[in-house]
N, C-alpha and C. Protein backbone atom coordinates (compact mmCIF):
# COMPACT_ATOMS: atom_id res chain seq x y z
N UNK A 1 0.78 -1.17 0.00
CA UNK A 1 0.00 0.00 0.00
C UNK A 1 0.83 1.24 0.00
N UNK A 2 1.96 1.06 0.46
CA UNK A 2 2.86 2.19 0.45
C UNK A 2 3.12 2.65 -0.97
N UNK A 3 3.19 1.77 -1.76
CA UNK A 3 3.52 2.10 -3.14
C UNK A 3 2.42 2.94 -3.78
N UNK A 4 1.14 2.58 -3.68
CA UNK A 4 0.13 3.44 -4.30
C UNK A 4 0.05 4.79 -3.59
N UNK A 5 0.27 4.86 -2.29
CA UNK A 5 0.23 6.12 -1.56
C UNK A 5 1.39 7.01 -1.98
N UNK A 6 2.52 6.39 -2.12
CA UNK A 6 3.70 7.12 -2.55
C UNK A 6 3.49 7.66 -3.96
N UNK A 7 2.93 6.87 -4.81
CA UNK A 7 2.67 7.30 -6.19
C UNK A 7 1.67 8.44 -6.18
N UNK A 8 0.67 8.37 -5.34
CA UNK A 8 -0.33 9.43 -5.26
C UNK A 8 0.30 10.72 -4.75
N UNK A 9 1.16 10.57 -3.74
CA UNK A 9 1.85 11.76 -3.23
C UNK A 9 2.75 12.36 -4.29
N UNK A 10 3.40 11.49 -4.99
CA UNK A 10 4.29 11.96 -6.05
C UNK A 10 3.46 12.68 -7.12
N UNK A 11 2.35 12.12 -7.48
CA UNK A 11 1.47 12.75 -8.49
C UNK A 11 0.92 14.06 -7.94
N UNK A 12 0.58 14.06 -6.66
CA UNK A 12 0.09 15.28 -6.04
C UNK A 12 1.17 16.36 -6.04
N UNK A 13 2.37 15.99 -5.74
CA UNK A 13 3.50 16.94 -5.72
C UNK A 13 3.77 17.45 -7.13
N UNK A 14 3.77 16.53 -8.09
CA UNK A 14 4.00 16.95 -9.48
C UNK A 14 2.86 17.83 -9.98
N UNK A 15 1.64 17.50 -9.61
CA UNK A 15 0.49 18.32 -9.99
C UNK A 15 0.56 19.70 -9.37
N UNK A 16 0.98 19.75 -8.07
CA UNK A 16 1.12 21.04 -7.39
C UNK A 16 2.22 21.87 -8.05
N UNK A 17 3.34 21.17 -8.37
CA UNK A 17 4.44 21.86 -9.05
C UNK A 17 3.98 22.39 -10.41
N UNK A 18 3.21 21.58 -11.14
CA UNK A 18 2.67 22.00 -12.44
C UNK A 18 1.73 23.18 -12.29
N UNK A 19 0.93 23.14 -11.20
CA UNK A 19 0.01 24.24 -10.94
C UNK A 19 0.77 25.51 -10.62
N UNK A 20 1.82 25.40 -9.81
CA UNK A 20 2.64 26.58 -9.47
C UNK A 20 3.30 27.12 -10.73
N UNK A 21 3.85 26.21 -11.55
CA UNK A 21 4.48 26.66 -12.81
C UNK A 21 3.45 27.31 -13.73
N UNK A 22 2.26 26.75 -13.82
CA UNK A 22 1.19 27.32 -14.65
C UNK A 22 0.78 28.70 -14.17
N UNK A 23 0.66 28.81 -12.82
CA UNK A 23 0.32 30.12 -12.27
C UNK A 23 1.45 31.13 -12.52
N UNK A 24 2.69 30.68 -12.42
CA UNK A 24 3.84 31.55 -12.70
C UNK A 24 3.82 32.03 -14.14
N UNK A 25 3.53 31.10 -15.04
CA UNK A 25 3.43 31.49 -16.46
C UNK A 25 2.28 32.48 -16.63
N UNK A 26 1.15 32.19 -15.98
CA UNK A 26 -0.02 33.07 -16.12
C UNK A 26 0.24 34.46 -15.54
N UNK A 27 0.99 34.53 -14.44
CA UNK A 27 1.23 35.84 -13.81
C UNK A 27 2.41 36.60 -14.40
N UNK A 28 3.40 35.90 -14.89
CA UNK A 28 4.61 36.59 -15.35
C UNK A 28 4.77 36.63 -16.86
N UNK A 29 4.54 35.53 -17.52
CA UNK A 29 4.80 35.49 -18.95
C UNK A 29 3.62 35.99 -19.79
N UNK A 30 2.40 35.65 -19.41
CA UNK A 30 1.24 36.08 -20.21
C UNK A 30 1.07 37.60 -20.22
N UNK A 31 1.20 38.29 -19.08
CA UNK A 31 1.07 39.75 -19.17
C UNK A 31 2.14 40.37 -20.06
N UNK A 32 3.35 39.85 -20.02
CA UNK A 32 4.43 40.36 -20.86
C UNK A 32 4.10 40.12 -22.33
N UNK A 33 3.61 38.93 -22.65
CA UNK A 33 3.24 38.63 -24.03
C UNK A 33 2.07 39.50 -24.46
N UNK A 34 1.12 39.71 -23.57
CA UNK A 34 -0.03 40.57 -23.88
C UNK A 34 0.43 42.01 -24.11
N UNK A 35 1.35 42.47 -23.29
CA UNK A 35 1.88 43.83 -23.44
C UNK A 35 2.62 43.96 -24.77
N UNK A 36 3.40 42.96 -25.13
CA UNK A 36 4.12 43.00 -26.41
C UNK A 36 3.13 43.01 -27.58
N UNK A 37 2.07 42.20 -27.45
CA UNK A 37 1.05 42.18 -28.50
C UNK A 37 0.38 43.55 -28.62
N UNK A 38 0.05 44.17 -27.49
CA UNK A 38 -0.55 45.50 -27.51
C UNK A 38 0.39 46.53 -28.13
N UNK A 39 1.69 46.42 -27.80
CA UNK A 39 2.68 47.35 -28.37
C UNK A 39 2.77 47.15 -29.88
N UNK A 40 2.74 45.90 -30.33
CA UNK A 40 2.81 45.63 -31.77
C UNK A 40 1.57 46.15 -32.48
N UNK A 41 0.40 45.95 -31.86
CA UNK A 41 -0.84 46.45 -32.47
C UNK A 41 -0.84 47.98 -32.51
N UNK A 42 -0.35 48.61 -31.45
CA UNK A 42 -0.27 50.07 -31.40
C UNK A 42 0.71 50.57 -32.47
N UNK A 43 1.86 49.91 -32.58
CA UNK A 43 2.85 50.30 -33.59
C UNK A 43 2.28 50.12 -34.99
N UNK A 44 1.54 49.04 -35.20
CA UNK A 44 0.93 48.80 -36.51
C UNK A 44 -0.08 49.90 -36.83
N UNK A 45 -0.92 50.25 -35.86
CA UNK A 45 -1.90 51.32 -36.06
C UNK A 45 -1.24 52.65 -36.35
N UNK A 46 -0.17 52.94 -35.62
CA UNK A 46 0.57 54.20 -35.83
C UNK A 46 1.23 54.20 -37.21
N UNK A 47 1.78 53.07 -37.60
CA UNK A 47 2.41 52.97 -38.93
C UNK A 47 1.37 53.18 -40.03
N UNK A 48 0.16 52.61 -39.84
CA UNK A 48 -0.89 52.80 -40.83
C UNK A 48 -1.32 54.27 -40.89
N UNK A 49 -1.44 54.93 -39.75
CA UNK A 49 -1.79 56.35 -39.73
C UNK A 49 -0.71 57.17 -40.44
N UNK A 50 0.55 56.87 -40.13
CA UNK A 50 1.65 57.59 -40.78
C UNK A 50 1.63 57.38 -42.29
N UNK A 51 1.38 56.13 -42.70
CA UNK A 51 1.32 55.82 -44.13
C UNK A 51 0.17 56.58 -44.78
N UNK A 52 -1.00 56.60 -44.13
CA UNK A 52 -2.15 57.31 -44.68
C UNK A 52 -1.87 58.81 -44.78
N UNK A 53 -1.20 59.36 -43.75
CA UNK A 53 -0.84 60.78 -43.79
C UNK A 53 0.14 61.06 -44.92
N UNK A 54 1.09 60.16 -45.11
CA UNK A 54 2.06 60.35 -46.18
C UNK A 54 1.40 60.22 -47.56
N UNK A 55 0.46 59.29 -47.69
CA UNK A 55 -0.26 59.15 -48.95
C UNK A 55 -1.07 60.41 -49.23
N UNK A 56 -1.73 60.95 -48.19
CA UNK A 56 -2.51 62.17 -48.35
C UNK A 56 -1.59 63.33 -48.72
N UNK A 57 -0.47 63.45 -48.04
CA UNK A 57 0.49 64.53 -48.33
C UNK A 57 1.03 64.39 -49.76
N UNK A 58 1.29 63.16 -50.16
CA UNK A 58 1.79 62.91 -51.52
C UNK A 58 0.73 63.32 -52.55
N UNK A 59 -0.54 63.03 -52.27
CA UNK A 59 -1.61 63.43 -53.17
C UNK A 59 -1.70 64.95 -53.25
N UNK A 60 -1.57 65.62 -52.09
CA UNK A 60 -1.61 67.08 -52.08
C UNK A 60 -0.45 67.66 -52.88
N UNK A 61 0.73 67.07 -52.71
CA UNK A 61 1.90 67.54 -53.47
C UNK A 61 1.72 67.29 -54.96
N UNK A 62 1.11 66.16 -55.31
CA UNK A 62 0.86 65.87 -56.73
C UNK A 62 -0.12 66.88 -57.31
N UNK A 63 -1.15 67.22 -56.55
CA UNK A 63 -2.11 68.23 -57.01
C UNK A 63 -1.43 69.58 -57.18
N UNK A 64 -0.55 69.93 -56.23
CA UNK A 64 0.19 71.18 -56.33
C UNK A 64 1.09 71.17 -57.57
N UNK A 65 1.77 70.05 -57.79
CA UNK A 65 2.63 69.93 -58.97
C UNK A 65 1.82 70.05 -60.25
N UNK A 66 0.63 69.46 -60.27
CA UNK A 66 -0.24 69.56 -61.44
C UNK A 66 -0.69 71.01 -61.67
N UNK A 67 -1.04 71.71 -60.57
CA UNK A 67 -1.44 73.12 -60.71
C UNK A 67 -0.28 73.96 -61.20
N UNK A 68 0.91 73.70 -60.70
CA UNK A 68 2.10 74.45 -61.15
C UNK A 68 2.35 74.19 -62.62
N UNK A 69 2.21 72.93 -63.04
CA UNK A 69 2.42 72.58 -64.44
C UNK A 69 1.39 73.28 -65.33
N UNK A 70 0.12 73.26 -64.90
CA UNK A 70 -0.92 73.95 -65.68
C UNK A 70 -0.63 75.45 -65.73
N UNK A 71 -0.16 76.02 -64.61
CA UNK A 71 0.19 77.43 -64.59
C UNK A 71 1.32 77.74 -65.56
N UNK A 72 2.32 76.87 -65.58
CA UNK A 72 3.44 77.07 -66.52
C UNK A 72 2.96 76.99 -67.96
N UNK A 73 2.09 76.02 -68.24
CA UNK A 73 1.57 75.87 -69.59
C UNK A 73 0.73 77.09 -69.98
N UNK A 74 -0.09 77.59 -69.04
CA UNK A 74 -0.90 78.77 -69.30
C UNK A 74 -0.01 79.98 -69.55
N UNK A 75 1.03 80.13 -68.73
CA UNK A 75 1.96 81.24 -68.90
C UNK A 75 2.69 81.15 -70.24
N UNK A 76 3.14 79.96 -70.60
CA UNK A 76 3.82 79.78 -71.89
C UNK A 76 2.87 80.09 -73.04
N UNK A 77 1.61 79.65 -72.92
CA UNK A 77 0.62 79.93 -73.96
C UNK A 77 0.37 81.44 -74.06
N UNK A 78 0.27 82.09 -72.90
CA UNK A 78 0.06 83.53 -72.88
C UNK A 78 1.24 84.25 -73.53
N UNK A 79 2.45 83.85 -73.18
CA UNK A 79 3.64 84.49 -73.77
C UNK A 79 3.69 84.27 -75.27
N UNK A 80 3.28 83.09 -75.73
CA UNK A 80 3.29 82.81 -77.17
C UNK A 80 2.25 83.66 -77.91
N UNK A 81 1.17 84.03 -77.22
CA UNK A 81 0.12 84.82 -77.86
C UNK A 81 0.38 86.32 -77.79
N UNK A 82 1.39 86.75 -77.02
CA UNK A 82 1.67 88.18 -76.93
C UNK A 82 2.15 88.70 -78.28
N UNK A 83 1.69 89.90 -78.65
CA UNK A 83 2.14 90.47 -79.93
C UNK A 83 3.63 90.78 -79.88
N UNK A 84 4.25 90.64 -81.03
CA UNK A 84 5.69 90.85 -81.11
C UNK A 84 6.04 92.10 -81.90
N UNK A 85 5.04 92.84 -82.34
CA UNK A 85 5.27 94.06 -83.11
C UNK A 85 5.73 95.21 -82.23
N UNK A 86 5.74 96.39 -82.82
CA UNK A 86 6.19 97.58 -82.09
C UNK A 86 5.11 98.04 -81.13
N UNK A 87 5.48 98.97 -80.26
CA UNK A 87 4.52 99.54 -79.31
C UNK A 87 3.41 100.27 -80.06
N UNK A 88 3.75 100.89 -81.17
CA UNK A 88 2.74 101.59 -81.99
C UNK A 88 1.71 100.61 -82.55
N UNK A 89 2.17 99.45 -82.99
CA UNK A 89 1.24 98.44 -83.51
C UNK A 89 0.32 97.93 -82.39
N UNK A 90 0.86 97.76 -81.20
CA UNK A 90 0.06 97.34 -80.06
C UNK A 90 -0.99 98.41 -79.75
N UNK A 91 -0.57 99.68 -79.73
CA UNK A 91 -1.50 100.77 -79.45
C UNK A 91 -2.59 100.82 -80.52
N UNK A 92 -2.21 100.62 -81.77
CA UNK A 92 -3.18 100.66 -82.86
C UNK A 92 -4.21 99.54 -82.71
N UNK A 93 -3.77 98.33 -82.41
CA UNK A 93 -4.72 97.21 -82.29
C UNK A 93 -5.64 97.41 -81.08
N UNK A 94 -5.10 97.93 -79.97
CA UNK A 94 -5.93 98.22 -78.80
C UNK A 94 -6.95 99.31 -79.11
N UNK A 95 -6.50 100.37 -79.75
CA UNK A 95 -7.39 101.48 -80.08
C UNK A 95 -8.49 101.02 -81.03
N UNK A 96 -8.12 100.25 -82.01
CA UNK A 96 -9.10 99.73 -82.98
C UNK A 96 -10.14 98.86 -82.27
N UNK A 97 -9.69 97.98 -81.40
CA UNK A 97 -10.61 97.08 -80.69
C UNK A 97 -11.51 97.86 -79.72
N UNK A 98 -10.95 98.84 -79.02
CA UNK A 98 -11.74 99.66 -78.10
C UNK A 98 -12.85 100.40 -78.85
N UNK A 99 -12.52 100.98 -80.01
CA UNK A 99 -13.53 101.70 -80.79
C UNK A 99 -14.59 100.75 -81.32
N UNK A 100 -14.19 99.55 -81.77
CA UNK A 100 -15.16 98.57 -82.27
C UNK A 100 -16.14 98.17 -81.16
N UNK A 101 -15.60 97.87 -79.98
CA UNK A 101 -16.46 97.44 -78.87
C UNK A 101 -17.34 98.58 -78.37
N UNK A 102 -16.81 99.79 -78.32
CA UNK A 102 -17.61 100.93 -77.89
C UNK A 102 -18.77 101.15 -78.85
N UNK A 103 -18.50 101.07 -80.14
CA UNK A 103 -19.56 101.26 -81.13
C UNK A 103 -20.58 100.13 -81.03
N UNK A 104 -20.13 98.91 -80.85
CA UNK A 104 -21.02 97.74 -80.74
C UNK A 104 -21.98 97.90 -79.56
N UNK A 105 -21.49 98.45 -78.45
CA UNK A 105 -22.30 98.54 -77.23
C UNK A 105 -22.91 99.93 -77.01
N UNK A 106 -22.79 100.80 -77.97
CA UNK A 106 -23.43 102.11 -77.87
C UNK A 106 -22.77 103.04 -76.86
N UNK A 107 -21.48 102.90 -76.66
CA UNK A 107 -20.74 103.77 -75.75
C UNK A 107 -19.97 104.81 -76.56
N UNK A 108 -19.65 105.90 -75.91
CA UNK A 108 -18.87 106.95 -76.55
C UNK A 108 -17.53 107.05 -75.82
N UNK A 109 -16.43 106.88 -76.56
CA UNK A 109 -15.10 107.04 -75.97
C UNK A 109 -14.74 108.51 -76.00
N UNK A 110 -14.45 109.04 -74.83
CA UNK A 110 -14.11 110.46 -74.76
C UNK A 110 -12.62 110.69 -74.98
N UNK A 111 -11.82 109.81 -74.46
CA UNK A 111 -10.38 109.99 -74.64
C UNK A 111 -9.68 108.65 -74.48
N UNK A 112 -8.59 108.50 -75.22
CA UNK A 112 -7.71 107.34 -75.06
C UNK A 112 -6.30 107.90 -74.96
N UNK A 113 -5.63 107.57 -73.86
CA UNK A 113 -4.27 108.05 -73.66
C UNK A 113 -3.35 106.85 -73.48
N UNK A 114 -2.20 106.92 -74.14
CA UNK A 114 -1.21 105.84 -74.04
C UNK A 114 0.01 106.34 -73.29
N UNK A 115 0.47 105.53 -72.36
CA UNK A 115 1.71 105.84 -71.66
C UNK A 115 2.91 105.37 -72.48
N UNK A 116 4.09 105.72 -72.02
CA UNK A 116 5.30 105.27 -72.70
C UNK A 116 5.56 103.80 -72.39
N UNK A 117 6.10 103.07 -73.36
CA UNK A 117 6.43 101.66 -73.09
C UNK A 117 7.42 101.56 -71.93
N UNK A 118 7.22 100.56 -71.09
CA UNK A 118 8.04 100.42 -69.89
C UNK A 118 8.35 98.96 -69.64
N UNK A 119 9.53 98.72 -69.11
CA UNK A 119 9.92 97.36 -68.71
C UNK A 119 9.92 97.22 -67.20
N UNK A 120 9.43 98.20 -66.51
CA UNK A 120 9.40 98.18 -65.05
C UNK A 120 8.59 96.97 -64.59
N UNK A 121 9.14 96.20 -63.69
CA UNK A 121 8.46 95.02 -63.18
C UNK A 121 8.71 93.79 -64.02
N UNK A 122 9.35 93.94 -65.16
CA UNK A 122 9.63 92.77 -66.00
C UNK A 122 11.10 92.74 -66.39
N UNK A 123 11.95 93.14 -65.49
CA UNK A 123 13.39 93.16 -65.75
C UNK A 123 13.90 91.75 -66.04
N UNK A 124 14.79 91.66 -67.00
CA UNK A 124 15.38 90.38 -67.35
C UNK A 124 14.50 89.57 -68.31
N UNK A 125 13.39 90.15 -68.77
CA UNK A 125 12.52 89.47 -69.72
C UNK A 125 12.43 90.31 -70.98
N UNK A 126 11.74 89.77 -71.96
CA UNK A 126 11.53 90.54 -73.18
C UNK A 126 10.11 91.09 -73.24
N UNK A 127 9.51 91.32 -72.07
CA UNK A 127 8.17 91.89 -72.01
C UNK A 127 8.23 93.40 -71.81
N UNK A 128 7.31 94.06 -72.47
CA UNK A 128 7.21 95.51 -72.34
C UNK A 128 5.74 95.84 -72.05
N UNK A 129 5.51 96.78 -71.16
CA UNK A 129 4.14 97.16 -70.77
C UNK A 129 3.85 98.58 -71.25
N UNK A 130 2.59 98.77 -71.66
CA UNK A 130 2.11 100.09 -72.07
C UNK A 130 0.80 100.32 -71.34
N UNK A 131 0.72 101.45 -70.60
CA UNK A 131 -0.53 101.79 -69.93
C UNK A 131 -1.45 102.50 -70.91
N UNK A 132 -2.73 102.10 -70.89
CA UNK A 132 -3.74 102.69 -71.76
C UNK A 132 -4.87 103.18 -70.85
N UNK A 133 -5.15 104.47 -70.90
CA UNK A 133 -6.21 105.05 -70.09
C UNK A 133 -7.30 105.55 -71.03
N UNK A 134 -8.54 105.20 -70.73
CA UNK A 134 -9.64 105.69 -71.56
C UNK A 134 -10.88 105.94 -70.71
N UNK A 135 -11.77 106.76 -71.27
CA UNK A 135 -13.04 107.10 -70.62
C UNK A 135 -14.14 106.74 -71.60
N UNK A 136 -15.13 105.98 -71.11
CA UNK A 136 -16.28 105.61 -71.93
C UNK A 136 -17.54 106.09 -71.22
N UNK A 137 -18.45 106.67 -71.98
CA UNK A 137 -19.69 107.20 -71.41
C UNK A 137 -20.86 106.50 -72.08
N UNK A 138 -21.87 106.14 -71.26
CA UNK A 138 -23.06 105.48 -71.79
C UNK A 138 -23.90 104.91 -70.67
N UNK A 139 -24.70 103.93 -70.99
CA UNK A 139 -25.61 103.28 -70.05
C UNK A 139 -24.85 102.17 -69.32
N UNK A 140 -25.19 101.98 -68.02
CA UNK A 140 -24.50 100.98 -67.19
C UNK A 140 -24.50 99.60 -67.83
N UNK A 141 -25.64 99.12 -68.31
CA UNK A 141 -25.72 97.78 -68.90
C UNK A 141 -24.76 97.66 -70.08
N UNK A 142 -24.61 98.74 -70.84
CA UNK A 142 -23.68 98.73 -71.98
C UNK A 142 -22.24 98.63 -71.50
N UNK A 143 -21.93 99.30 -70.39
CA UNK A 143 -20.57 99.22 -69.83
C UNK A 143 -20.24 97.79 -69.42
N UNK A 144 -21.21 97.13 -68.80
CA UNK A 144 -20.98 95.75 -68.36
C UNK A 144 -20.70 94.84 -69.56
N UNK A 145 -21.53 94.93 -70.58
CA UNK A 145 -21.33 94.11 -71.78
C UNK A 145 -20.02 94.47 -72.47
N UNK A 146 -19.69 95.76 -72.49
CA UNK A 146 -18.43 96.23 -73.08
C UNK A 146 -17.23 95.59 -72.37
N UNK A 147 -17.23 95.62 -71.03
CA UNK A 147 -16.10 95.07 -70.27
C UNK A 147 -16.01 93.55 -70.44
N UNK A 148 -17.15 92.88 -70.48
CA UNK A 148 -17.13 91.42 -70.69
C UNK A 148 -16.52 91.10 -72.04
N UNK A 149 -16.93 91.82 -73.10
CA UNK A 149 -16.36 91.61 -74.42
C UNK A 149 -14.88 91.98 -74.47
N UNK A 150 -14.51 93.05 -73.79
CA UNK A 150 -13.11 93.48 -73.77
C UNK A 150 -12.23 92.42 -73.09
N UNK A 151 -12.73 91.88 -71.97
CA UNK A 151 -11.95 90.87 -71.24
C UNK A 151 -11.82 89.57 -72.03
N UNK A 152 -12.80 89.27 -72.87
CA UNK A 152 -12.73 88.03 -73.65
C UNK A 152 -12.20 88.27 -75.06
N UNK A 153 -11.65 89.45 -75.31
CA UNK A 153 -11.18 89.80 -76.65
C UNK A 153 -9.86 89.13 -77.03
N UNK A 154 -9.14 88.61 -76.06
CA UNK A 154 -7.85 87.98 -76.36
C UNK A 154 -6.71 88.96 -76.44
N UNK A 155 -6.98 90.22 -76.18
CA UNK A 155 -5.91 91.22 -76.20
C UNK A 155 -5.02 91.04 -74.97
N UNK A 156 -3.74 91.31 -75.11
CA UNK A 156 -2.79 91.07 -74.02
C UNK A 156 -2.77 92.22 -73.01
N UNK A 157 -3.76 92.28 -72.13
CA UNK A 157 -3.80 93.36 -71.16
C UNK A 157 -4.34 92.86 -69.83
N UNK A 158 -4.15 93.69 -68.83
CA UNK A 158 -4.74 93.46 -67.51
C UNK A 158 -5.34 94.79 -67.07
N UNK A 159 -6.46 94.74 -66.37
CA UNK A 159 -7.08 95.96 -65.87
C UNK A 159 -6.30 96.39 -64.63
N UNK A 160 -5.69 97.56 -64.71
CA UNK A 160 -4.91 98.07 -63.60
C UNK A 160 -5.74 98.89 -62.64
N UNK A 161 -6.71 99.63 -63.19
CA UNK A 161 -7.55 100.47 -62.36
C UNK A 161 -8.86 100.70 -63.10
N UNK A 162 -9.93 100.85 -62.37
CA UNK A 162 -11.22 101.11 -62.99
C UNK A 162 -12.15 101.82 -62.02
N UNK A 163 -13.00 102.68 -62.57
CA UNK A 163 -13.92 103.42 -61.73
C UNK A 163 -15.16 103.71 -62.57
N UNK A 164 -16.32 103.43 -62.00
CA UNK A 164 -17.59 103.71 -62.66
C UNK A 164 -18.32 104.76 -61.83
N UNK A 165 -18.68 105.88 -62.50
CA UNK A 165 -19.34 106.98 -61.80
C UNK A 165 -20.53 107.46 -62.61
N UNK A 166 -21.43 108.12 -61.93
CA UNK A 166 -22.55 108.79 -62.61
C UNK A 166 -22.08 110.18 -63.04
N UNK A 167 -22.52 110.58 -64.21
CA UNK A 167 -22.22 111.93 -64.70
C UNK A 167 -23.48 112.45 -65.40
N UNK A 168 -23.51 113.73 -65.74
CA UNK A 168 -24.69 114.26 -66.44
C UNK A 168 -24.90 113.59 -67.80
N UNK A 169 -23.87 113.06 -68.39
CA UNK A 169 -23.97 112.42 -69.71
C UNK A 169 -24.38 110.96 -69.60
N UNK A 170 -24.40 110.39 -68.38
CA UNK A 170 -24.72 108.98 -68.16
C UNK A 170 -23.63 108.35 -67.29
N UNK A 171 -23.56 107.04 -67.32
CA UNK A 171 -22.52 106.34 -66.55
C UNK A 171 -21.17 106.59 -67.21
N UNK A 172 -20.18 106.90 -66.39
CA UNK A 172 -18.84 107.23 -66.90
C UNK A 172 -17.88 106.17 -66.36
N UNK A 173 -17.20 105.49 -67.27
CA UNK A 173 -16.26 104.43 -66.93
C UNK A 173 -14.84 104.90 -67.21
N UNK A 174 -14.05 105.06 -66.15
CA UNK A 174 -12.63 105.42 -66.28
C UNK A 174 -11.82 104.15 -66.07
N UNK A 175 -11.06 103.75 -67.06
CA UNK A 175 -10.30 102.49 -67.00
C UNK A 175 -8.85 102.76 -67.34
N UNK A 176 -7.96 102.07 -66.63
CA UNK A 176 -6.55 102.06 -66.98
C UNK A 176 -6.18 100.60 -67.22
N UNK A 177 -5.76 100.31 -68.44
CA UNK A 177 -5.31 98.96 -68.80
C UNK A 177 -3.80 98.95 -68.88
N UNK A 178 -3.21 97.83 -68.60
CA UNK A 178 -1.79 97.65 -68.83
C UNK A 178 -1.67 96.57 -69.89
N UNK A 179 -1.23 96.97 -71.08
CA UNK A 179 -1.09 96.06 -72.21
C UNK A 179 0.37 95.59 -72.29
N UNK A 180 0.55 94.39 -72.79
CA UNK A 180 1.89 93.79 -72.85
C UNK A 180 2.22 93.36 -74.27
N UNK A 181 3.51 93.39 -74.55
CA UNK A 181 4.00 92.89 -75.83
C UNK A 181 5.40 92.32 -75.63
N UNK A 182 5.82 91.48 -76.57
CA UNK A 182 7.18 90.93 -76.54
C UNK A 182 8.06 91.77 -77.45
N UNK A 183 9.21 92.14 -76.92
CA UNK A 183 10.12 92.94 -77.73
C UNK A 183 11.05 92.06 -78.55
N UNK A 184 11.26 90.83 -78.13
CA UNK A 184 12.15 89.92 -78.83
C UNK A 184 13.56 89.95 -78.30
N UNK A 185 13.88 90.93 -77.45
CA UNK A 185 15.22 91.01 -76.87
C UNK A 185 15.10 91.21 -75.37
N UNK A 186 15.47 90.20 -74.57
CA UNK A 186 15.39 90.38 -73.11
C UNK A 186 16.35 91.44 -72.65
N UNK A 187 15.89 92.21 -71.68
CA UNK A 187 16.73 93.25 -71.10
C UNK A 187 17.77 92.61 -70.19
N UNK A 188 18.99 93.00 -70.31
CA UNK A 188 20.08 92.44 -69.48
C UNK A 188 20.24 93.28 -68.22
N UNK A 189 20.40 92.63 -67.11
CA UNK A 189 20.68 93.34 -65.86
C UNK A 189 22.14 93.79 -65.91
N UNK A 190 22.35 95.06 -65.62
CA UNK A 190 23.72 95.58 -65.62
C UNK A 190 24.42 95.15 -64.34
N UNK A 191 25.65 94.67 -64.49
CA UNK A 191 26.42 94.25 -63.32
C UNK A 191 27.23 95.42 -62.81
N UNK A 192 27.21 95.61 -61.52
CA UNK A 192 27.93 96.74 -60.92
C UNK A 192 29.27 96.32 -60.45
């Protein structure tokens, strides 16, 4: 009988030892493994967020690059369409177009004044600017249609200043345009 009792005690001791080892694993190793798993999951989530942010930033940069490219193409197209004749030819074409549009819309041009050709603001390029100041008198609705047609005329200008006022003769539109042309020879910066 000693033998079965001894075997039972031995099994009980081994079972107790196994239980203690199991509890040790449960208290010491499992929390560490769980913590490592949580750290890996957190790192994975952070990596995914970083990747998504980088993808979004890359898309934004690509859109910016596309806008810059379209801007360059628009600028190149604009430069190619600029007249290459003399300042007098530019003034003549502007004057002719202004008179055509004024007549079309029932406006009366009171004066057209041209400034001297200038390269101010376009140093190092072959662009030249000419200021054109004119006064048109007529009905407000005609002024609006006139300006819409003028802006869509394809002439190389930008509106620098404009003022619409009432006068005894009707609505009075004072406009200053800055027209551009290519001279064909870029201005060189003088070295000091």
